[in-house]
Amino acid sequence: MVTKITSNGFDSRTSANLKLNKMSKIKKVDEFVSYSISTTFTKDLDLFQVKATVWSYVNERENGYNNEITETELRFFLNGKHCNGLGFRELYEKLFGANKFNKFRDDLIVEFEEEYFKQSPYKIK
């Protein structure tokens, strides 16, 4: 017997059975709700300003939410004008010392992420 596979991938021998099974009830067994969220914060450091976007992935659970930060992006501004990231790094290290920028950046990221969790409405209950 030759089996014909149709364009939608069904075996032609079972297509009659599939039509009969359409009458069976479909039961929903689970639903997973998740959100991709971006939250923007600013911090004024007098000489310059920092704008941080915290990207997070949130999904509902029985006892609240699972809330995970996936990325934190920092942008720097002087006198309200956006600075090129490498240019700002160079300027920062000329002002405050070589190899000081990475610690400064990492400390800012921690500070913004802590603030995100404080202000986020998506908490474990």
PDB file of N, CA and C in Angstrom:
ATOM      1  N   MET A   1       0.837  -1.171   0.000  1.00  0.00           N
ATOM      2  CA  MET A   1       0.000   0.000   0.000  1.00  0.00           C
ATOM      3  C   MET A   1       0.887   1.241   0.000  1.00  0.00           C
ATOM      4  N   VAL A   2       0.552   2.211  -0.809  1.00  0.00           N
ATOM      5  CA  VAL A   2       1.296   3.463  -0.893  1.00  0.00           C
ATOM      6  C   VAL A   2       0.634   4.464   0.042  1.00  0.00           C
ATOM      7  N   THR A   3       1.453   5.086   0.867  1.00  0.00           N
ATOM      8  CA  THR A   3       0.943   6.106   1.787  1.00  0.00           C
ATOM      9  C   THR A   3       1.171   7.466   1.176  1.00  0.00           C
ATOM     10  N   LYS A   4       0.135   8.244   1.117  1.00  0.00           N
ATOM     11  CA  LYS A   4       0.247   9.585   0.557  1.00  0.00           C
ATOM     12  C   LYS A   4       0.298  10.575   1.719  1.00  0.00           C
ATOM     13  N   ILE A   5       1.362  11.342   1.756  1.00  0.00           N
ATOM     14  CA  ILE A   5       1.476  12.403   2.757  1.00  0.00           C
ATOM     15  C   ILE A   5       0.995  13.681   2.095  1.00  0.00           C
ATOM     16  N   THR A   6       0.015  14.316   2.706  1.00  0.00           N
ATOM     17  CA  THR A   6      -0.538  15.534   2.118  1.00  0.00           C
ATOM     18  C   THR A   6       0.351  16.727   2.439  1.00  0.00           C
ATOM     19  N   SER A   7       0.045  17.876   1.836  1.00  0.00           N
ATOM     20  CA  SER A   7       0.869  19.081   1.995  1.00  0.00           C
ATOM     21  C   SER A   7       0.913  19.557   3.452  1.00  0.00           C
ATOM     22  N   ASN A   8      -0.093  19.222   4.233  1.00  0.00           N
ATOM     23  CA  ASN A   8      -0.072  19.639   5.635  1.00  0.00           C
ATOM     24  C   ASN A   8       0.533  18.566   6.538  1.00  0.00           C
ATOM     25  N   GLY A   9       1.131  17.517   5.966  1.00  0.00           N
ATOM     26  CA  GLY A   9       1.879  16.522   6.716  1.00  0.00           C
ATOM     27  C   GLY A   9       1.081  15.366   7.261  1.00  0.00           C
ATOM     28  N   PHE A  10      -0.195  15.249   6.924  1.00  0.00           N
ATOM     29  CA  PHE A  10      -1.002  14.155   7.451  1.00  0.00           C
ATOM     30  C   PHE A  10      -0.908  12.927   6.548  1.00  0.00           C
ATOM     31  N   ASP A  11      -0.928  11.778   7.178  1.00  0.00           N
ATOM     32  CA  ASP A  11      -0.958  10.502   6.475  1.00  0.00           C
ATOM     33  C   ASP A  11      -2.398  10.316   5.983  1.00  0.00           C
ATOM     34  N   SER A  12      -2.571  10.093   4.696  1.00  0.00           N
ATOM     35  CA  SER A  12      -3.909  10.000   4.112  1.00  0.00           C
ATOM     36  C   SER A  12      -4.716   8.843   4.707  1.00  0.00           C
ATOM     37  N   ARG A  13      -4.058   7.813   5.228  1.00  0.00           N
ATOM     38  CA  ARG A  13      -4.781   6.672   5.805  1.00  0.00           C
ATOM     39  C   ARG A  13      -5.482   7.064   7.097  1.00  0.00           C
ATOM     40  N   THR A  14      -4.966   8.079   7.794  1.00  0.00           N
ATOM     41  CA  THR A  14      -5.565   8.438   9.089  1.00  0.00           C
ATOM     42  C   THR A  14      -6.448   9.672   8.997  1.00  0.00           C
ATOM     43  N   SER A  15      -6.552  10.272   7.827  1.00  0.00           N
ATOM     44  CA  SER A  15      -7.333  11.510   7.721  1.00  0.00           C
ATOM     45  C   SER A  15      -8.805  11.272   8.058  1.00  0.00           C
ATOM     46  N   ALA A  16      -9.347  10.130   7.746  1.00  0.00           N
ATOM     47  CA  ALA A  16     -10.738   9.848   8.100  1.00  0.00           C
ATOM     48  C   ALA A  16     -10.898   9.801   9.616  1.00  0.00           C
ATOM     49  N   ASN A  17      -9.926   9.184  10.292  1.00  0.00           N
ATOM     50  CA  ASN A  17      -9.984   9.128  11.751  1.00  0.00           C
ATOM     51  C   ASN A  17      -9.867  10.517  12.362  1.00  0.00           C
ATOM     52  N   LEU A  18      -9.067  11.386  11.771  1.00  0.00           N
ATOM     53  CA  LEU A  18      -8.918  12.740  12.286  1.00  0.00           C
ATOM     54  C   LEU A  18     -10.237  13.491  12.207  1.00  0.00           C
ATOM     55  N   LYS A  19     -10.964  13.280  11.137  1.00  0.00           N
ATOM     56  CA  LYS A  19     -12.254  13.952  10.999  1.00  0.00           C
ATOM     57  C   LYS A  19     -13.217  13.492  12.087  1.00  0.00           C
ATOM     58  N   LEU A  20     -13.185  12.238  12.420  1.00  0.00           N
ATOM     59  CA  LEU A  20     -14.061  11.727  13.472  1.00  0.00           C
ATOM     60  C   LEU A  20     -13.665  12.278  14.836  1.00  0.00           C
ATOM     61  N   ASN A  21     -12.372  12.468  15.064  1.00  0.00           N
ATOM     62  CA  ASN A  21     -11.897  12.945  16.359  1.00  0.00           C
ATOM     63  C   ASN A  21     -12.119  14.430  16.583  1.00  0.00           C
ATOM     64  N   LYS A  22     -12.537  15.162  15.568  1.00  0.00           N
ATOM     65  CA  LYS A  22     -12.796  16.595  15.739  1.00  0.00           C
ATOM     66  C   LYS A  22     -13.918  16.834  16.732  1.00  0.00           C
ATOM     67  N   MET A  23     -14.741  15.848  16.955  1.00  0.00           N
ATOM     68  CA  MET A  23     -15.870  15.996  17.865  1.00  0.00           C
ATOM     69  C   MET A  23     -15.440  15.877  19.329  1.00  0.00           C
ATOM     70  N   SER A  24     -14.227  15.381  19.591  1.00  0.00           N
ATOM     71  CA  SER A  24     -13.799  15.250  20.978  1.00  0.00           C
ATOM     72  C   SER A  24     -13.525  16.625  21.563  1.00  0.00           C
ATOM     73  N   LYS A  25     -13.647  16.726  22.891  1.00  0.00           N
ATOM     74  CA  LYS A  25     -13.472  18.007  23.570  1.00  0.00           C
ATOM     75  C   LYS A  25     -11.994  18.317  23.748  1.00  0.00           C
ATOM     76  N   ILE A  26     -11.676  19.582  23.580  1.00  0.00           N
ATOM     77  CA  ILE A  26     -10.321  20.059  23.835  1.00  0.00           C
ATOM     78  C   ILE A  26     -10.322  20.683  25.220  1.00  0.00           C
ATOM     79  N   LYS A  27      -9.377  20.261  26.047  1.00  0.00           N
ATOM     80  CA  LYS A  27      -9.283  20.778  27.408  1.00  0.00           C
ATOM     81  C   LYS A  27      -8.002  21.582  27.561  1.00  0.00           C
ATOM     82  N   LYS A  28      -8.162  22.751  28.103  1.00  0.00           N
ATOM     83  CA  LYS A  28      -7.002  23.585  28.390  1.00  0.00           C
ATOM     84  C   LYS A  28      -6.378  23.075  29.683  1.00  0.00           C
ATOM     85  N   VAL A  29      -5.078  22.789  29.651  1.00  0.00           N
ATOM     86  CA  VAL A  29      -4.420  22.232  30.833  1.00  0.00           C
ATOM     87  C   VAL A  29      -3.436  23.204  31.468  1.00  0.00           C
ATOM     88  N   ASP A  30      -3.028  24.228  30.743  1.00  0.00           N
ATOM     89  CA  ASP A  30      -2.058  25.144  31.323  1.00  0.00           C
ATOM     90  C   ASP A  30      -2.005  26.421  30.498  1.00  0.00           C
ATOM     91  N   GLU A  31      -1.608  27.489  31.133  1.00  0.00           N
ATOM     92  CA  GLU A  31      -1.391  28.750  30.441  1.00  0.00           C
ATOM     93  C   GLU A  31      -0.210  29.436  31.100  1.00  0.00           C
ATOM     94  N   PHE A  32       0.719  29.877  30.307  1.00  0.00           N
ATOM     95  CA  PHE A  32       1.916  30.539  30.801  1.00  0.00           C
ATOM     96  C   PHE A  32       1.874  31.985  30.327  1.00  0.00           C
ATOM     97  N   VAL A  33       1.807  32.917  31.269  1.00  0.00           N
ATOM     98  CA  VAL A  33       1.749  34.333  30.946  1.00  0.00           C
ATOM     99  C   VAL A  33       3.093  34.953  31.291  1.00  0.00           C
ATOM    100  N   SER A  34       3.674  35.660  30.332  1.00  0.00           N
ATOM    101  CA  SER A  34       4.951  36.311  30.591  1.00  0.00           C
ATOM    102  C   SER A  34       4.961  37.691  29.951  1.00  0.00           C
ATOM    103  N   TYR A  35       5.837  38.535  30.478  1.00  0.00           N
ATOM    104  CA  TYR A  35       5.951  39.901  30.006  1.00  0.00           C
ATOM    105  C   TYR A  35       7.423  40.228  29.769  1.00  0.00           C
ATOM    106  N   SER A  36       7.686  40.967  28.730  1.00  0.00           N
ATOM    107  CA  SER A  36       9.002  41.542  28.511  1.00  0.00           C
ATOM    108  C   SER A  36       8.855  43.021  28.842  1.00  0.00           C
ATOM    109  N   ILE A  37       9.626  43.491  29.802  1.00  0.00           N
ATOM    110  CA  ILE A  37       9.442  44.841  30.326  1.00  0.00           C
ATOM    111  C   ILE A  37      10.736  45.628  30.201  1.00  0.00           C
ATOM    112  N   SER A  38      10.630  46.881  29.798  1.00  0.00           N
ATOM    113  CA  SER A  38      11.771  47.789  29.859  1.00  0.00           C
ATOM    114  C   SER A  38      11.373  48.961  30.746  1.00  0.00           C
ATOM    115  N   THR A  39      12.222  49.265  31.704  1.00  0.00           N
ATOM    116  CA  THR A  39      11.982  50.354  32.647  1.00  0.00           C
ATOM    117  C   THR A  39      13.171  51.296  32.562  1.00  0.00           C
ATOM    118  N   THR A  40      12.896  52.589  32.408  1.00  0.00           N
ATOM    119  CA  THR A  40      13.969  53.571  32.257  1.00  0.00           C
ATOM    120  C   THR A  40      14.050  54.449  33.500  1.00  0.00           C
ATOM    121  N   PHE A  41      15.279  54.649  33.955  1.00  0.00           N
ATOM    122  CA  PHE A  41      15.581  55.495  35.107  1.00  0.00           C
ATOM    123  C   PHE A  41      16.617  56.532  34.697  1.00  0.00           C
ATOM    124  N   THR A  42      16.678  57.639  35.423  1.00  0.00           N
ATOM    125  CA  THR A  42      17.742  58.618  35.225  1.00  0.00           C
ATOM    126  C   THR A  42      18.373  58.947  36.569  1.00  0.00           C
ATOM    127  N   LYS A  43      19.618  59.360  36.505  1.00  0.00           N
ATOM    128  CA  LYS A  43      20.342  59.788  37.707  1.00  0.00           C
ATOM    129  C   LYS A  43      21.206  60.981  37.313  1.00  0.00           C
ATOM    130  N   ASP A  44      21.072  62.059  38.069  1.00  0.00           N
ATOM    131  CA  ASP A  44      21.851  63.264  37.812  1.00  0.00           C
ATOM    132  C   ASP A  44      23.069  63.265  38.721  1.00  0.00           C
ATOM    133  N   LEU A  45      24.254  63.257  38.128  1.00  0.00           N
ATOM    134  CA  LEU A  45      25.499  63.261  38.886  1.00  0.00           C
ATOM    135  C   LEU A  45      26.216  64.603  38.738  1.00  0.00           C
ATOM    136  N   ASP A  46      25.444  65.683  38.642  1.00  0.00           N
ATOM    137  CA  ASP A  46      25.923  67.060  38.506  1.00  0.00           C
ATOM    138  C   ASP A  46      26.699  67.282  37.210  1.00  0.00           C
ATOM    139  N   LEU A  47      27.904  66.758  37.110  1.00  0.00           N
ATOM    140  CA  LEU A  47      28.734  66.960  35.927  1.00  0.00           C
ATOM    141  C   LEU A  47      28.115  66.285  34.700  1.00  0.00           C
ATOM    142  N   PHE A  48      27.438  65.177  34.913  1.00  0.00           N
ATOM    143  CA  PHE A  48      26.813  64.452  33.812  1.00  0.00           C
ATOM    144  C   PHE A  48      25.597  63.705  34.346  1.00  0.00           C
ATOM    145  N   GLN A  49      24.820  63.157  33.420  1.00  0.00           N
ATOM    146  CA  GLN A  49      23.620  62.407  33.763  1.00  0.00           C
ATOM    147  C   GLN A  49      23.722  61.007  33.161  1.00  0.00           C
ATOM    148  N   VAL A  50      23.047  60.077  33.821  1.00  0.00           N
ATOM    149  CA  VAL A  50      23.017  58.691  33.349  1.00  0.00           C
ATOM    150  C   VAL A  50      21.559  58.292  33.151  1.00  0.00           C
ATOM    151  N   LYS A  51      21.282  57.673  32.028  1.00  0.00           N
ATOM    152  CA  LYS A  51      19.957  57.100  31.774  1.00  0.00           C
ATOM    153  C   LYS A  51      20.160  55.600  31.659  1.00  0.00           C
ATOM    154  N   ALA A  52      19.407  54.845  32.436  1.00  0.00           N
ATOM    155  CA  ALA A  52      19.517  53.383  32.424  1.00  0.00           C
ATOM    156  C   ALA A  52      18.191  52.780  31.987  1.00  0.00           C
ATOM    157  N   THR A  53      18.279  51.810  31.102  1.00  0.00           N
ATOM    158  CA  THR A  53      17.112  51.017  30.740  1.00  0.00           C
ATOM    159  C   THR A  53      17.351  49.614  31.270  1.00  0.00           C
ATOM    160  N   VAL A  54      16.462  49.180  32.137  1.00  0.00           N
ATOM    161  CA  VAL A  54      16.538  47.841  32.720  1.00  0.00           C
ATOM    162  C   VAL A  54      15.523  46.979  31.988  1.00  0.00           C
ATOM    163  N   TRP A  55      16.017  45.936  31.340  1.00  0.00           N
ATOM    164  CA  TRP A  55      15.167  44.989  30.608  1.00  0.00           C
ATOM    165  C   TRP A  55      14.933  43.788  31.507  1.00  0.00           C
ATOM    166  N   SER A  56      13.680  43.395  31.627  1.00  0.00           N
ATOM    167  CA  SER A  56      13.373  42.253  32.496  1.00  0.00           C
ATOM    168  C   SER A  56      12.341  41.347  31.841  1.00  0.00           C
ATOM    169  N   TYR A  57      12.330  40.129  32.333  1.00  0.00           N
ATOM    170  CA  TYR A  57      11.401  39.103  31.881  1.00  0.00           C
ATOM    171  C   TYR A  57      10.607  38.676  33.107  1.00  0.00           C
ATOM    172  N   VAL A  58       9.305  38.828  33.041  1.00  0.00           N
ATOM    173  CA  VAL A  58       8.436  38.547  34.181  1.00  0.00           C
ATOM    174  C   VAL A  58       7.407  37.500  33.774  1.00  0.00           C
ATOM    175  N   ASN A  59       7.202  36.499  34.636  1.00  0.00           N
ATOM    176  CA  ASN A  59       6.112  35.558  34.388  1.00  0.00           C
ATOM    177  C   ASN A  59       5.371  35.296  35.680  1.00  0.00           C
ATOM    178  N   GLU A  60       4.086  35.017  35.527  1.00  0.00           N
ATOM    179  CA  GLU A  60       3.220  34.794  36.677  1.00  0.00           C
ATOM    180  C   GLU A  60       3.440  33.409  37.266  1.00  0.00           C
ATOM    181  N   ARG A  61       3.352  33.353  38.588  1.00  0.00           N
ATOM    182  CA  ARG A  61       3.437  32.093  39.317  1.00  0.00           C
ATOM    183  C   ARG A  61       2.289  32.073  40.319  1.00  0.00           C
ATOM    184  N   GLU A  62       2.076  30.935  40.940  1.00  0.00           N
ATOM    185  CA  GLU A  62       0.997  30.827  41.919  1.00  0.00           C
ATOM    186  C   GLU A  62       1.175  31.797  43.079  1.00  0.00           C
ATOM    187  N   ASN A  63       2.431  32.030  43.477  1.00  0.00           N
ATOM    188  CA  ASN A  63       2.682  32.882  44.639  1.00  0.00           C
ATOM    189  C   ASN A  63       3.166  34.276  44.242  1.00  0.00           C
ATOM    190  N   GLY A  64       2.889  34.718  43.034  1.00  0.00           N
ATOM    191  CA  GLY A  64       3.301  36.052  42.590  1.00  0.00           C
ATOM    192  C   GLY A  64       3.945  36.003  41.232  1.00  0.00           C
ATOM    193  N   TYR A  65       5.164  36.495  41.165  1.00  0.00           N
ATOM    194  CA  TYR A  65       5.857  36.596  39.877  1.00  0.00           C
ATOM    195  C   TYR A  65       7.295  36.132  39.995  1.00  0.00           C
ATOM    196  N   ASN A  66       7.818  35.640  38.890  1.00  0.00           N
ATOM    197  CA  ASN A  66       9.247  35.436  38.734  1.00  0.00           C
ATOM    198  C   ASN A  66       9.716  36.643  37.927  1.00  0.00           C
ATOM    199  N   ASN A  67      10.668  37.383  38.447  1.00  0.00           N
ATOM    200  CA  ASN A  67      11.089  38.638  37.834  1.00  0.00           C
ATOM    201  C   ASN A  67      12.596  38.594  37.653  1.00  0.00           C
ATOM    202  N   GLU A  68      13.047  38.507  36.408  1.00  0.00           N
ATOM    203  CA  GLU A  68      14.472  38.336  36.120  1.00  0.00           C
ATOM    204  C   GLU A  68      14.962  39.447  35.198  1.00  0.00           C
ATOM    205  N   ILE A  69      16.000  40.153  35.623  1.00  0.00           N
ATOM    206  CA  ILE A  69      16.617  41.178  34.779  1.00  0.00           C
ATOM    207  C   ILE A  69      17.477  40.470  33.733  1.00  0.00           C
ATOM    208  N   THR A  70      17.279  40.842  32.483  1.00  0.00           N
ATOM    209  CA  THR A  70      18.053  40.222  31.409  1.00  0.00           C
ATOM    210  C   THR A  70      19.174  41.130  30.903  1.00  0.00           C
ATOM    211  N   GLU A  71      19.012  42.442  31.063  1.00  0.00           N
ATOM    212  CA  GLU A  71      20.045  43.367  30.604  1.00  0.00           C
ATOM    213  C   GLU A  71      19.801  44.734  31.210  1.00  0.00           C
ATOM    214  N   THR A  72      20.892  45.460  31.451  1.00  0.00           N
ATOM    215  CA  THR A  72      20.803  46.856  31.874  1.00  0.00           C
ATOM    216  C   THR A  72      21.710  47.667  30.960  1.00  0.00           C
ATOM    217  N   GLU A  73      21.112  48.626  30.291  1.00  0.00           N
ATOM    218  CA  GLU A  73      21.839  49.457  29.331  1.00  0.00           C
ATOM    219  C   GLU A  73      22.010  50.856  29.915  1.00  0.00           C
ATOM    220  N   LEU A  74      23.238  51.362  29.909  1.00  0.00           N
ATOM    221  CA  LEU A  74      23.519  52.704  30.407  1.00  0.00           C
ATOM    222  C   LEU A  74      23.826  53.633  29.237  1.00  0.00           C
ATOM    223  N   ARG A  75      23.297  54.868  29.318  1.00  0.00           N
ATOM    224  CA  ARG A  75      23.636  55.919  28.358  1.00  0.00           C
ATOM    225  C   ARG A  75      24.026  57.152  29.160  1.00  0.00           C
ATOM    226  N   PHE A  76      25.042  57.844  28.680  1.00  0.00           N
ATOM    227  CA  PHE A  76      25.587  58.981  29.409  1.00  0.00           C
ATOM    228  C   PHE A  76      25.328  60.270  28.645  1.00  0.00           C
ATOM    229  N   PHE A  77      25.105  61.350  29.416  1.00  0.00           N
ATOM    230  CA  PHE A  77      24.785  62.653  28.845  1.00  0.00           C
ATOM    231  C   PHE A  77      25.622  63.735  29.532  1.00  0.00           C
ATOM    232  N   LEU A  78      26.111  64.676  28.738  1.00  0.00           N
ATOM    233  CA  LEU A  78      26.776  65.880  29.243  1.00  0.00           C
ATOM    234  C   LEU A  78      25.955  67.069  28.783  1.00  0.00           C
ATOM    235  N   ASN A  79      25.553  67.914  29.726  1.00  0.00           N
ATOM    236  CA  ASN A  79      24.716  69.083  29.388  1.00  0.00           C
ATOM    237  C   ASN A  79      23.481  68.686  28.581  1.00  0.00           C
ATOM    238  N   GLY A  80      22.911  67.542  28.897  1.00  0.00           N
ATOM    239  CA  GLY A  80      21.702  67.085  28.234  1.00  0.00           C
ATOM    240  C   GLY A  80      21.913  66.466  26.860  1.00  0.00           C
ATOM    241  N   LYS A  81      23.165  66.366  26.415  1.00  0.00           N
ATOM    242  CA  LYS A  81      23.445  65.793  25.095  1.00  0.00           C
ATOM    243  C   LYS A  81      24.051  64.401  25.258  1.00  0.00           C
ATOM    244  N   HIS A  82      23.533  63.465  24.468  1.00  0.00           N
ATOM    245  CA  HIS A  82      24.001  62.077  24.524  1.00  0.00           C
ATOM    246  C   HIS A  82      25.466  61.989  24.120  1.00  0.00           C
ATOM    247  N   CYS A  83      26.235  61.190  24.865  1.00  0.00           N
ATOM    248  CA  CYS A  83      27.658  60.976  24.578  1.00  0.00           C
ATOM    249  C   CYS A  83      27.872  59.602  23.972  1.00  0.00           C
ATOM    250  N   ASN A  84      28.818  59.511  23.081  1.00  0.00           N
ATOM    251  CA  ASN A  84      29.270  58.231  22.570  1.00  0.00           C
ATOM    252  C   ASN A  84      29.856  57.453  23.750  1.00  0.00           C
ATOM    253  N   GLY A  85      29.517  56.178  23.874  1.00  0.00           N
ATOM    254  CA  GLY A  85      29.958  55.372  25.019  1.00  0.00           C
ATOM    255  C   GLY A  85      31.466  55.322  25.190  1.00  0.00           C
ATOM    256  N   LEU A  86      32.209  55.111  24.112  1.00  0.00           N
ATOM    257  CA  LEU A  86      33.667  55.043  24.205  1.00  0.00           C
ATOM    258  C   LEU A  86      34.253  56.409  24.538  1.00  0.00           C
ATOM    259  N   GLY A  87      33.672  57.454  23.969  1.00  0.00           N
ATOM    260  CA  GLY A  87      34.132  58.808  24.259  1.00  0.00           C
ATOM    261  C   GLY A  87      33.915  59.161  25.717  1.00  0.00           C
ATOM    262  N   PHE A  88      32.759  58.785  26.255  1.00  0.00           N
ATOM    263  CA  PHE A  88      32.493  59.068  27.665  1.00  0.00           C
ATOM    264  C   PHE A  88      33.455  58.297  28.558  1.00  0.00           C
ATOM    265  N   ARG A  89      33.726  57.062  28.207  1.00  0.00           N
ATOM    266  CA  ARG A  89      34.670  56.247  28.988  1.00  0.00           C
ATOM    267  C   ARG A  89      36.057  56.910  29.024  1.00  0.00           C
ATOM    268  N   GLU A  90      36.504  57.356  27.855  1.00  0.00           N
ATOM    269  CA  GLU A  90      37.805  58.040  27.777  1.00  0.00           C
ATOM    270  C   GLU A  90      37.819  59.269  28.670  1.00  0.00           C
ATOM    271  N   LEU A  91      36.793  60.094  28.567  1.00  0.00           N
ATOM    272  CA  LEU A  91      36.699  61.307  29.378  1.00  0.00           C
ATOM    273  C   LEU A  91      36.689  60.968  30.860  1.00  0.00           C
ATOM    274  N   TYR A  92      35.895  59.975  31.245  1.00  0.00           N
ATOM    275  CA  TYR A  92      35.800  59.578  32.653  1.00  0.00           C
ATOM    276  C   TYR A  92      37.173  59.152  33.183  1.00  0.00           C
ATOM    277  N   GLU A  93      37.889  58.354  32.404  1.00  0.00           N
ATOM    278  CA  GLU A  93      39.191  57.870  32.863  1.00  0.00           C
ATOM    279  C   GLU A  93      40.240  58.983  32.874  1.00  0.00           C
ATOM    280  N   LYS A  94      40.105  59.982  32.009  1.00  0.00           N
ATOM    281  CA  LYS A  94      41.010  61.132  32.062  1.00  0.00           C
ATOM    282  C   LYS A  94      40.731  61.976  33.309  1.00  0.00           C
ATOM    283  N   LEU A  95      39.475  62.064  33.684  1.00  0.00           N
ATOM    284  CA  LEU A  95      39.109  62.857  34.866  1.00  0.00           C
ATOM    285  C   LEU A  95      39.385  62.129  36.176  1.00  0.00           C
ATOM    286  N   PHE A  96      39.116  60.826  36.225  1.00  0.00           N
ATOM    287  CA  PHE A  96      39.130  60.104  37.502  1.00  0.00           C
ATOM    288  C   PHE A  96      40.179  59.005  37.594  1.00  0.00           C
ATOM    289  N   GLY A  97      40.941  58.771  36.539  1.00  0.00           N
ATOM    290  CA  GLY A  97      42.016  57.785  36.587  1.00  0.00           C
ATOM    291  C   GLY A  97      41.784  56.608  35.668  1.00  0.00           C
ATOM    292  N   ALA A  98      42.904  56.060  35.208  1.00  0.00           N
ATOM    293  CA  ALA A  98      42.858  54.905  34.306  1.00  0.00           C
ATOM    294  C   ALA A  98      42.205  53.720  34.993  1.00  0.00           C
ATOM    295  N   ASN A  99      41.433  52.983  34.222  1.00  0.00           N
ATOM    296  CA  ASN A  99      40.772  51.752  34.684  1.00  0.00           C
ATOM    297  C   ASN A  99      39.762  51.979  35.796  1.00  0.00           C
ATOM    298  N   LYS A 100      39.244  53.186  35.934  1.00  0.00           N
ATOM    299  CA  LYS A 100      38.223  53.480  36.952  1.00  0.00           C
ATOM    300  C   LYS A 100      36.803  53.338  36.396  1.00  0.00           C
ATOM    301  N   PHE A 101      36.663  53.375  35.092  1.00  0.00           N
ATOM    302  CA  PHE A 101      35.330  53.388  34.498  1.00  0.00           C
ATOM    303  C   PHE A 101      34.564  52.092  34.753  1.00  0.00           C
ATOM    304  N   ASN A 102      35.217  50.938  34.623  1.00  0.00           N
ATOM    305  CA  ASN A 102      34.509  49.661  34.779  1.00  0.00           C
ATOM    306  C   ASN A 102      33.850  49.536  36.142  1.00  0.00           C
ATOM    307  N   LYS A 103      34.548  49.923  37.197  1.00  0.00           N
ATOM    308  CA  LYS A 103      33.957  49.860  38.538  1.00  0.00           C
ATOM    309  C   LYS A 103      32.782  50.836  38.640  1.00  0.00           C
ATOM    310  N   PHE A 104      32.970  52.047  38.117  1.00  0.00           N
ATOM    311  CA  PHE A 104      31.912  53.051  38.114  1.00  0.00           C
ATOM    312  C   PHE A 104      30.672  52.506  37.403  1.00  0.00           C
ATOM    313  N   ARG A 105      30.860  51.939  36.203  1.00  0.00           N
ATOM    314  CA  ARG A 105      29.752  51.378  35.421  1.00  0.00           C
ATOM    315  C   ARG A 105      29.072  50.234  36.166  1.00  0.00           C
ATOM    316  N   ASP A 106      29.868  49.311  36.714  1.00  0.00           N
ATOM    317  CA  ASP A 106      29.312  48.167  37.431  1.00  0.00           C
ATOM    318  C   ASP A 106      28.527  48.604  38.664  1.00  0.00           C
ATOM    319  N   ASP A 107      29.040  49.606  39.393  1.00  0.00           N
ATOM    320  CA  ASP A 107      28.325  50.126  40.567  1.00  0.00           C
ATOM    321  C   ASP A 107      27.000  50.764  40.165  1.00  0.00           C
ATOM    322  N   LEU A 108      27.004  51.500  39.051  1.00  0.00           N
ATOM    323  CA  LEU A 108      25.754  52.099  38.569  1.00  0.00           C
ATOM    324  C   LEU A 108      24.735  51.032  38.202  1.00  0.00           C
ATOM    325  N   ILE A 109      25.185  49.986  37.526  1.00  0.00           N
ATOM    326  CA  ILE A 109      24.270  48.911  37.130  1.00  0.00           C
ATOM    327  C   ILE A 109      23.636  48.277  38.360  1.00  0.00           C
ATOM    328  N   VAL A 110      24.428  47.996  39.377  1.00  0.00           N
ATOM    329  CA  VAL A 110      23.889  47.419  40.617  1.00  0.00           C
ATOM    330  C   VAL A 110      22.866  48.372  41.233  1.00  0.00           C
ATOM    331  N   GLU A 111      23.189  49.654  41.269  1.00  0.00           N
ATOM    332  CA  GLU A 111      22.288  50.647  41.860  1.00  0.00           C
ATOM    333  C   GLU A 111      20.963  50.731  41.099  1.00  0.00           C
ATOM    334  N   PHE A 112      21.024  50.774  39.779  1.00  0.00           N
ATOM    335  CA  PHE A 112      19.798  50.841  38.974  1.00  0.00           C
ATOM    336  C   PHE A 112      18.980  49.551  39.096  1.00  0.00           C
ATOM    337  N   GLU A 113      19.637  48.404  39.116  1.00  0.00           N
ATOM    338  CA  GLU A 113      18.905  47.136  39.236  1.00  0.00           C
ATOM    339  C   GLU A 113      18.247  47.002  40.606  1.00  0.00           C
ATOM    340  N   GLU A 114      18.908  47.456  41.666  1.00  0.00           N
ATOM    341  CA  GLU A 114      18.289  47.442  42.993  1.00  0.00           C
ATOM    342  C   GLU A 114      17.059  48.349  43.022  1.00  0.00           C
ATOM    343  N   GLU A 115      17.162  49.504  42.378  1.00  0.00           N
ATOM    344  CA  GLU A 115      16.024  50.429  42.319  1.00  0.00           C
ATOM    345  C   GLU A 115      14.883  49.821  41.512  1.00  0.00           C
ATOM    346  N   TYR A 116      15.221  49.126  40.457  1.00  0.00           N
ATOM    347  CA  TYR A 116      14.196  48.452  39.657  1.00  0.00           C
ATOM    348  C   TYR A 116      13.377  47.499  40.533  1.00  0.00           C
ATOM    349  N   PHE A 117      14.061  46.652  41.306  1.00  0.00           N
ATOM    350  CA  PHE A 117      13.334  45.694  42.141  1.00  0.00           C
ATOM    351  C   PHE A 117      12.525  46.391  43.232  1.00  0.00           C
ATOM    352  N   LYS A 118      13.014  47.511  43.752  1.00  0.00           N
ATOM    353  CA  LYS A 118      12.243  48.270  44.750  1.00  0.00           C
ATOM    354  C   LYS A 118      10.940  48.788  44.160  1.00  0.00           C
ATOM    355  N   GLN A 119      11.010  49.287  42.923  1.00  0.00           N
ATOM    356  CA  GLN A 119       9.843  49.936  42.324  1.00  0.00           C
ATOM    357  C   GLN A 119       8.954  49.005  41.511  1.00  0.00           C
ATOM    358  N   SER A 120       9.425  47.830  41.188  1.00  0.00           N
ATOM    359  CA  SER A 120       8.655  46.916  40.342  1.00  0.00           C
ATOM    360  C   SER A 120       7.404  46.423  41.061  1.00  0.00           C
ATOM    361  N   PRO A 121       6.273  46.438  40.374  1.00  0.00           N
ATOM    362  CA  PRO A 121       5.064  45.881  40.972  1.00  0.00           C
ATOM    363  C   PRO A 121       5.004  44.360  40.890  1.00  0.00           C
ATOM    364  N   TYR A 122       5.972  43.745  40.210  1.00  0.00           N
ATOM    365  CA  TYR A 122       5.984  42.294  39.981  1.00  0.00           C
ATOM    366  C   TYR A 122       6.840  41.609  41.043  1.00  0.00           C
ATOM    367  N   LYS A 123       6.219  41.266  42.164  1.00  0.00           N
ATOM    368  CA  LYS A 123       6.926  40.696  43.291  1.00  0.00           C
ATOM    369  C   LYS A 123       6.362  39.326  43.653  1.00  0.00           C
ATOM    370  N   ILE A 124       7.192  38.530  44.323  1.00  0.00           N
ATOM    371  CA  ILE A 124       6.716  37.254  44.860  1.00  0.00           C
ATOM    372  C   ILE A 124       5.878  37.577  46.085  1.00  0.00           C
ATOM    373  N   LYS A 125       4.686  37.023  46.153  1.00  0.00           N
ATOM    374  CA  LYS A 125       3.776  37.300  47.280  1.00  0.00           C
ATOM    375  C   LYS A 125       4.098  36.452  48.470  1.00  0.00           C
TER     376      LYS A 125
END
